[in-house]
Protein backbone atom coordinates (compact mmCIF):
# COMPACT_ATOMS: atom_id res chain seq x y z
CA MET A 1 47.65 39.42 49.34
CA ASN A 2 45.95 39.01 52.73
CA SER A 3 45.33 35.75 54.59
CA GLU A 4 41.55 35.73 53.99
CA LYS A 5 42.01 36.04 50.23
CA LEU A 6 44.66 33.33 50.26
CA CYS A 7 42.30 30.98 52.14
CA GLU A 8 39.59 31.71 49.60
CA ILE A 9 41.87 30.80 46.66
CA LEU A 10 43.18 27.73 48.50
CA GLN A 11 39.68 26.22 48.61
CA LYS A 12 39.86 25.89 44.80
CA GLU A 13 43.52 25.74 43.75
CA ASN A 14 46.93 24.46 44.82
CA LEU A 15 49.19 27.41 45.66
CA PHE A 16 52.91 28.22 45.62
CA LEU A 17 53.61 31.16 47.97
CA THR A 18 57.05 32.65 47.35
CA GLY A 19 59.17 35.80 47.59
CA GLY A 20 62.52 36.86 49.03
CA ALA A 21 63.47 37.04 52.71
CA GLY A 22 61.56 39.44 54.94
CA VAL A 23 58.37 39.62 52.83
CA GLY A 24 56.20 37.88 55.44
CA LYS A 25 55.82 34.35 54.02
CA THR A 26 55.94 32.72 57.47
CA THR A 27 53.55 35.24 59.05
CA LEU A 28 51.04 34.86 56.22
CA THR A 29 51.29 31.06 56.28
CA ASN A 30 50.64 30.94 60.03
CA GLU A 31 47.64 33.28 59.62
CA VAL A 32 46.22 31.03 56.89
CA ILE A 33 46.65 27.92 59.06
CA SER A 34 44.92 29.66 62.01
CA ILE A 35 41.95 30.74 59.87
CA LEU A 36 41.52 27.29 58.33
CA GLU A 37 41.73 25.50 61.68
CA ARG A 38 39.22 27.93 63.24
CA GLU A 39 36.88 27.01 60.38
CA GLY A 40 37.21 23.36 61.40
CA LYS A 41 39.45 22.36 58.49
CA LYS A 42 41.99 19.59 59.03
CA VAL A 43 45.41 21.00 58.09
CA ALA A 44 48.54 18.86 57.73
CA LYS A 45 51.50 21.14 58.57
CA LEU A 46 54.62 19.66 56.97
CA ALA A 47 58.22 20.43 55.98
CA SER A 48 61.26 18.54 54.70
CA THR A 49 63.46 19.18 57.76
CA GLY A 50 62.81 18.69 61.45
CA MET A 51 63.62 22.31 62.25
CA ALA A 52 61.19 23.73 59.69
CA ALA A 53 58.48 21.26 60.74
CA THR A 54 58.92 22.07 64.42
CA LEU A 55 58.72 25.84 63.80
CA LEU A 56 55.49 25.24 61.87
CA GLY A 57 54.12 23.06 64.68
CA GLY A 58 53.86 20.00 62.46
CA GLN A 59 55.72 16.96 61.13
CA THR A 60 58.34 16.12 58.55
CA LEU A 61 57.19 14.85 55.18
CA HIS A 62 58.98 11.55 55.82
CA SER A 63 57.19 11.00 59.12
CA PHE A 64 53.71 12.02 57.98
CA PHE A 65 53.77 10.09 54.68
CA GLU A 66 55.51 7.03 56.19
CA PHE A 67 58.53 7.18 53.87
CA GLY A 68 60.98 5.79 56.44
CA ILE A 69 64.49 6.75 55.30
CA ALA A 70 63.71 6.45 51.58
CA SER A 71 64.73 9.43 49.44
CA ASN A 72 63.07 8.31 46.19
CA VAL A 73 60.40 5.92 44.88
CA GLU A 74 62.97 3.18 44.11
CA GLU A 75 64.22 3.21 47.72
CA LEU A 76 60.63 3.23 48.92
CA GLU A 77 60.03 0.03 46.93
CA LYS A 78 63.22 -1.64 48.23
CA ALA A 79 62.17 -0.84 51.80
CA LEU A 80 58.76 -2.47 51.14
CA LYS A 81 57.01 0.86 51.84
CA LEU A 82 55.72 1.53 48.33
CA SER A 83 52.14 0.57 49.22
CA ILE A 84 50.17 2.97 51.38
CA SER A 85 49.02 1.79 54.81
CA ARG A 86 45.32 1.70 55.63
CA LYS A 87 45.80 4.21 58.43
CA LEU A 88 47.59 6.76 56.21
CA LYS A 89 44.98 6.29 53.48
CA ARG A 90 42.17 7.04 55.94
CA LEU A 91 44.10 10.03 57.31
CA LEU A 92 44.68 11.53 53.86
CA GLU A 93 41.02 11.05 53.01
CA SER A 94 40.16 13.25 56.02
CA ILE A 95 42.72 16.04 55.43
CA ASP A 96 41.42 19.27 53.83
CA ILE A 97 44.65 21.24 53.32
CA ILE A 98 48.31 20.20 53.14
CA VAL A 99 50.89 22.92 53.90
CA ILE A 100 54.51 22.23 52.93
CA ASP A 101 56.94 24.87 54.26
CA GLU A 102 60.54 25.49 53.09
CA ILE A 103 59.75 24.01 49.67
CA SER A 104 63.25 25.02 48.50
CA MET A 105 64.63 22.17 50.65
CA VAL A 106 62.25 19.58 49.16
CA SER A 107 63.91 17.56 46.38
CA ALA A 108 62.19 16.60 43.11
CA ASP A 109 62.21 12.95 44.20
CA LEU A 110 60.58 13.79 47.53
CA LEU A 111 57.79 15.79 45.87
CA ASP A 112 57.14 12.86 43.51
CA MET A 113 56.84 10.58 46.56
CA VAL A 114 54.32 12.99 48.12
CA ARG A 115 52.20 12.96 44.96
CA LEU A 116 52.36 9.16 44.86
CA ARG A 117 50.87 8.95 48.37
CA LEU A 118 48.14 11.46 47.51
CA LEU A 119 47.20 9.44 44.43
CA GLN A 120 47.24 6.19 46.39
CA ALA A 121 44.75 7.68 48.86
CA ASP A 122 42.72 9.48 46.19
CA CYS A 123 43.32 12.52 48.40
CA LYS A 124 41.31 15.61 47.46
CA ALA A 125 43.18 18.01 49.76
CA LYS A 126 44.49 21.28 48.34
CA VAL A 127 48.23 21.84 48.69
CA LEU A 128 50.00 25.06 49.74
CA VAL A 129 53.78 25.05 49.27
CA VAL A 130 55.79 27.94 50.74
CA GLY A 131 59.35 29.07 50.26
CA ASP A 132 62.05 30.66 48.15
CA PHE A 133 64.16 28.53 45.78
CA LEU A 134 66.86 31.21 45.99
CA GLN A 135 67.44 30.35 49.65
CA LEU A 136 68.54 27.00 51.15
CA PRO A 137 68.53 24.13 48.60
CA PRO A 138 67.71 20.43 49.20
CA ILE A 139 70.35 18.47 51.14
CA THR A 140 71.52 15.75 48.78
CA LYS A 141 74.60 13.65 48.05
CA GLY A 142 74.34 14.00 44.28
CA GLU A 143 73.08 16.64 41.90
CA ILE A 144 70.59 19.12 43.35
CA ARG A 145 67.13 18.64 41.82
CA PHE A 146 64.59 21.14 43.09
CA ALA A 147 60.91 20.41 43.64
CA PHE A 148 60.03 22.47 40.54
CA GLU A 149 62.05 19.97 38.44
CA ALA A 150 59.78 17.09 39.48
CA SER A 151 57.21 15.77 36.99
CA SER A 152 54.68 16.15 39.82
CA TRP A 153 55.26 19.96 40.05
CA GLU A 154 53.34 20.59 36.82
CA ARG A 155 50.70 18.03 37.76
CA PHE A 156 49.99 19.87 40.99
CA GLY A 157 49.30 22.95 38.82
CA PHE A 158 50.39 25.42 41.50
CA ARG A 159 49.16 28.99 41.16
CA LYS A 160 52.19 31.16 41.97
CA ILE A 161 51.74 34.07 44.37
CA VAL A 162 54.82 36.27 44.79
CA LEU A 163 55.15 38.52 47.85
CA LYS A 164 57.39 41.51 47.09
CA LYS A 165 57.14 44.09 49.87
CA ILE A 166 60.00 43.69 52.37
CA TYR A 167 58.86 44.45 55.92
CA ARG A 168 62.17 43.84 57.73
CA THR A 169 63.76 47.12 56.61
CA ASP A 170 62.67 50.24 54.70
CA ASP A 171 66.17 51.16 53.48
CA GLN A 172 65.57 51.14 49.71
CA ALA A 173 69.27 51.08 48.74
CA PHE A 174 69.81 48.06 50.99
CA ILE A 175 66.68 46.35 49.61
CA GLU A 176 68.03 46.83 46.09
CA MET A 177 71.39 45.33 47.11
CA LEU A 178 69.60 42.37 48.72
CA HIS A 179 67.80 41.72 45.43
CA HIS A 180 71.13 41.51 43.59
CA VAL A 181 72.65 39.25 46.27
CA ARG A 182 69.58 36.97 46.16
CA PHE A 183 70.21 36.33 42.48
CA GLY A 184 73.98 35.95 43.00
CA HIS A 185 74.75 39.12 41.06
CA VAL A 186 77.89 41.00 42.17
CA ASP A 187 79.12 43.91 40.05
CA LYS A 188 81.50 46.70 41.10
CA GLU A 189 78.69 48.74 42.68
CA ILE A 190 77.49 45.79 44.83
CA HIS A 191 81.13 44.91 45.63
CA ASP A 192 81.80 48.48 46.86
CA ARG A 193 78.49 48.62 48.74
CA LEU A 194 79.36 45.41 50.62
CA ASN A 195 82.85 46.71 51.38
CA SER A 196 81.27 49.78 52.99
CA TYR A 197 79.87 47.49 55.70
CA ILE A 198 83.33 46.19 56.63
CA LYS A 199 84.09 48.03 59.87
CA PRO A 200 86.46 47.56 62.83
CA ILE A 201 85.13 45.07 65.38
CA PRO A 202 84.61 46.87 68.70
CA GLN A 203 86.22 45.54 71.88
CA ASP A 204 82.91 45.45 73.76
CA LEU A 205 80.75 42.94 71.88
CA ARG A 206 77.79 42.82 74.28
CA SER A 207 75.58 44.92 72.00
CA PHE A 208 76.18 42.81 68.89
CA THR A 209 74.89 39.52 67.52
CA PHE A 210 77.37 37.46 65.50
CA LEU A 211 76.05 35.28 62.70
CA PHE A 212 78.23 32.22 62.16
CA GLY A 213 77.93 29.32 59.75
CA LYS A 214 79.00 26.73 62.34
CA ASN A 215 77.52 25.64 65.68
CA LEU A 216 80.98 25.32 67.25
CA SER A 217 81.71 29.01 66.60
CA VAL A 218 78.36 30.02 68.12
CA ASP A 219 78.84 27.92 71.27
CA TYR A 220 82.39 29.18 71.80
CA HIS A 221 81.49 32.85 71.31
CA ASN A 222 78.43 32.67 73.58
CA LYS A 223 80.40 30.93 76.34
CA MET A 224 83.29 33.42 76.13
CA GLN A 225 81.08 36.51 76.16
CA LEU A 226 78.88 35.22 79.00
CA GLY A 227 82.04 34.62 81.02
CA PHE A 228 82.89 38.34 80.88
CA ILE A 229 79.72 39.21 82.84
CA ASP A 230 80.53 39.20 86.57
CA GLU A 231 77.19 37.88 87.81
CA GLU A 232 75.83 34.57 89.08
CA LEU A 233 75.27 31.93 86.37
CA HIS A 234 71.70 30.57 86.22
CA ARG A 235 70.85 27.32 84.45
CA LYS A 236 67.25 27.03 83.31
CA SER A 237 66.43 23.48 82.23
CA ALA A 238 63.54 22.81 79.88
CA ILE A 239 60.61 20.91 81.41
CA VAL A 240 59.35 17.93 79.40
CA GLU A 241 55.85 16.50 79.77
CA ILE A 242 55.24 13.15 78.07
CA HIS A 243 51.63 12.51 77.03
CA ASP A 244 52.22 9.19 75.26
CA LYS A 245 54.19 6.49 77.10
CA ARG A 246 55.48 5.09 73.79
CA VAL A 247 57.59 8.20 73.16
CA GLN A 248 61.28 7.32 72.97
CA PRO A 249 64.04 9.50 74.54
CA ARG A 250 65.67 9.91 71.10
CA GLU A 251 62.46 11.58 69.81
CA ILE A 252 62.73 14.21 72.55
CA GLU A 253 66.45 14.70 71.85
CA ARG A 254 65.73 15.20 68.16
CA PHE A 255 63.01 17.73 69.02
CA PHE A 256 65.51 19.85 70.96
CA GLU A 257 67.93 19.71 68.04
CA ASP A 258 65.25 20.73 65.55
CA ALA A 259 63.38 23.37 67.55
CA ARG A 260 64.85 26.69 68.60
CA VAL A 261 64.50 25.54 72.20
CA GLU A 262 67.45 25.42 74.58
CA LYS A 263 67.62 22.19 76.57
CA GLU A 264 69.51 24.13 79.23
CA LEU A 265 69.54 27.90 79.04
CA HIS A 266 72.61 29.56 80.61
CA LEU A 267 71.87 33.12 81.71
CA LYS A 268 73.19 35.94 83.85
CA VAL A 269 71.63 39.23 84.89
CA GLY A 270 72.92 41.75 82.34
CA ALA A 271 73.22 39.21 79.52
CA PRO A 272 71.77 40.22 76.13
CA VAL A 273 69.15 37.83 74.75
CA LEU A 274 67.09 37.37 71.60
CA PHE A 275 63.41 36.49 71.70
CA THR A 276 62.82 33.31 69.68
CA ARG A 277 59.08 33.66 69.14
CA ASN A 278 56.49 36.31 68.29
CA ALA A 279 54.08 37.69 70.88
CA TRP A 280 52.07 40.87 71.36
CA ASN A 281 54.94 42.57 73.21
CA TYR A 282 58.03 41.16 71.43
CA TYR A 283 59.02 39.68 68.07
CA ASN A 284 61.26 36.88 66.84
CA GLY A 285 64.84 38.22 66.88
CA GLU A 286 64.11 41.27 69.06
CA ARG A 287 66.87 42.03 71.55
CA GLY A 288 66.71 42.63 75.27
CA ILE A 289 68.81 42.53 78.46
CA VAL A 290 68.13 40.11 81.35
CA LEU A 291 67.04 42.29 84.26
CA LYS A 292 66.04 39.74 86.91
CA ILE A 293 65.99 35.94 87.15
CA GLU A 294 63.57 34.06 89.41
CA GLU A 295 62.67 30.37 89.61
CA ASP A 296 59.89 30.44 87.05
CA VAL A 297 60.02 34.01 85.74
CA ILE A 298 62.63 36.02 83.84
CA TYR A 299 62.37 39.78 83.39
CA VAL A 300 63.84 41.14 80.17
CA GLN A 301 64.29 44.86 79.52
CA LYS A 302 63.74 45.78 75.87
CA SER A 303 64.25 49.51 76.30
CA SER A 304 64.48 52.07 79.07
CA THR A 305 60.72 51.82 79.65
CA SER A 306 59.68 48.40 78.33
CA ILE A 307 60.10 45.33 80.55
CA VAL A 308 58.78 41.91 79.53
CA LYS A 309 57.86 39.32 82.16
CA LEU A 310 58.60 35.89 80.68
CA GLU A 311 57.40 32.47 81.76
CA ARG A 312 58.23 29.15 80.15
CA GLN A 313 56.29 28.63 76.93
CA LYS A 314 55.00 25.38 75.53
CA GLN A 315 56.01 23.70 72.27
CA SER A 316 54.60 20.28 71.46
CA LYS A 317 55.32 17.38 69.17
CA THR A 318 52.08 16.13 67.65
CA ARG A 319 50.80 13.37 65.41
CA TRP A 320 47.49 12.47 63.84
CA VAL A 321 45.54 9.73 65.62
CA GLU A 322 42.06 8.22 65.23
CA LYS A 323 39.68 9.07 68.04
CA GLU A 324 36.05 8.32 68.83
CA LYS A 325 34.17 11.63 68.65
CA ASN A 326 30.40 12.17 68.71
CA GLY A 327 29.81 8.49 68.04
CA LYS A 328 32.13 8.30 65.02
CA THR A 329 35.83 7.79 64.41
CA GLU A 330 37.83 10.73 63.10
CA PHE A 331 41.45 11.91 62.95
CA VAL A 332 42.65 14.56 65.40
CA GLU A 333 46.07 16.04 66.12
CA GLU A 334 47.25 14.80 69.49
CA GLU A 335 50.27 15.87 71.54
CA LEU A 336 52.94 13.22 72.05
CA PHE A 337 54.99 15.36 74.41
CA SER A 338 55.41 19.02 75.32
CA VAL A 339 58.53 21.05 76.09
CA PHE A 340 58.38 24.15 78.30
CA GLN A 341 61.21 26.68 78.10
CA PHE A 342 61.73 30.45 78.16
CA PRO A 343 61.45 31.83 74.58
CA ILE A 344 64.89 33.47 74.58
CA ARG A 345 68.49 32.59 73.77
CA LEU A 346 71.80 34.36 74.28
CA ALA A 347 72.18 37.17 71.77
CA PHE A 348 75.96 37.10 71.43
CA ALA A 349 75.85 34.64 68.51
CA ILE A 350 73.52 32.41 66.49
CA THR A 351 73.96 30.24 63.40
CA ILE A 352 72.72 31.52 60.05
CA HIS A 353 70.49 28.44 59.80
CA LYS A 354 68.79 29.06 63.16
CA SER A 355 68.40 32.78 62.45
CA GLN A 356 65.89 32.13 59.65
CA GLY A 357 62.74 34.17 60.21
CA MET A 358 64.48 36.55 62.62
CA SER A 359 64.84 40.32 62.26
CA LEU A 360 68.10 41.37 63.90
CA ASP A 361 69.73 44.67 64.89
CA ASP A 362 73.45 45.31 65.53
CA LEU A 363 74.52 42.39 63.39
CA ILE A 364 78.05 41.14 62.66
CA ILE A 365 78.29 38.51 59.91
CA GLU A 366 81.33 36.21 59.83
CA SER A 367 81.64 36.07 56.05
CA ASN A 368 84.36 33.41 56.21
CA GLU A 369 81.97 30.72 57.42
CA ILE A 370 79.73 30.84 54.33
CA PHE A 371 79.76 27.39 52.71
CA ALA A 372 76.47 26.92 50.79
CA PRO A 373 74.55 28.58 47.93
CA SER A 374 72.36 31.49 49.08
CA GLN A 375 73.72 31.25 52.66
CA PHE A 376 75.17 34.76 52.57
CA TYR A 377 71.84 36.11 51.29
CA VAL A 378 70.00 34.43 54.19
CA ALA A 379 72.47 36.01 56.64
CA LEU A 380 72.39 39.49 55.08
CA SER A 381 68.60 39.52 54.88
CA ARG A 382 68.27 39.16 58.68
CA THR A 383 69.31 42.83 58.92
CA LYS A 384 66.67 45.14 60.35
CA ASN A 385 68.79 48.29 60.34
CA PRO A 386 71.57 48.33 57.70
CA ALA A 387 73.23 51.30 59.44
CA ARG A 388 74.04 48.91 62.30
CA LEU A 389 75.36 46.07 60.11
CA THR A 390 79.01 44.99 60.16
CA LEU A 391 80.60 42.48 57.78
CA ILE A 392 83.85 40.71 58.61
CA ALA A 393 86.12 41.01 55.56
CA PRO A 394 86.11 37.75 53.62
CA ARG A 395 89.39 36.06 52.69
CA LYS A 396 87.85 35.32 49.27
CA PRO A 397 86.19 37.68 46.76
CA TRP A 398 82.54 38.53 47.40
CA SER A 399 81.63 36.85 44.11
CA SER A 400 82.79 33.48 45.46
CA LEU A 401 80.55 33.82 48.54
CA ILE A 402 77.50 35.26 46.82
CA TYR A 403 76.05 32.73 44.47
CA ALA A 404 72.71 31.09 43.74
CA ASN A 405 71.85 27.88 41.94
CA LYS A 406 71.55 28.56 38.19
CA LYS A 407 68.41 26.42 37.89
CA ALA A 408 66.73 28.43 40.67
CA ILE A 409 67.68 31.70 38.96
CA GLU A 410 66.21 30.46 35.67
CA PHE A 411 63.03 29.33 37.44
CA TYR A 412 62.38 32.87 38.69
CA SER A 413 63.34 34.39 35.34
CA ASP A 414 60.35 32.78 33.59
């Protein structure tokens, strides 16, 4: 399924784009958004979490649909936000396409709230939801209820498009193992296959990226490993440009937390780094070594012959505002503030959560920090070259780390 064909279908139907890790969901979604926006379509780019929304270049569902802190329709009513505002109604009337990324993290209640707002505005926009229900589930205090369990799921009438070809690796045996792990299936063969990746941890860790479940472990490991490099420490602070004076400092702080942008990047010549974005000469998760550090330029060596000259790149927080254009009022996306930072981070360690979308070589997974359904699958599926994968032996059986939500398994079994 190519992006042009997807755009063509999206003009007529609501779509659910799914598939396992590494099949290109994010790449295809971004291509679709680019095509639609070039055609002059107004596209609302949304997600349930701040991190997913920031990576998509959009907003959270709660912010866009004015839900406040409500997590269901009853709470929306208690907070006196059940009625739609005039501004949101006008905005929804002007939107052509609504993209919701990481649909696995959208609860049934949240999807019902989205449909309520669309009905209130008599919104005719087509909806594209993207994600894999066998990855990260909704964050909730009570029982997990996925978006596909909502009464609104059937009413949206999503046409399901499943991407199957894995682009991250071409190792067929590893791809087969990933499939079993995705569905939480561990038999003796999978158990033995996973054990084969348990190897001694080398003393020199500069060439490896650790995947941890916890931020504290990542920060500690990065700091320790950077300390072993006997070079001058450089601190590269992000530059913030505020375009709207009403922006609050806490909004900028939250943006740094959500985006894969370092507020202050600590680097040394010789330090290994990961690229955190895609460009013509590097990809998200690709590894390099810092060769030279100047005031506004960093040189990163990817291989013996390939050197990338990096400048700070821009990421912006936007919102939809009404503007006078060609004698009439219409909604446009406007930047609230922009953050400029080098698109790299230290490669010694990263959290599983922040590694989503990355393709990584020379990977070491700390299996003992797995604490959520499908988390081990997300970590394992970052692997670009299985021959260079190392697993730290878990203190518990593999079967207790590798599990998926039964309702999600049944959903994909239909």
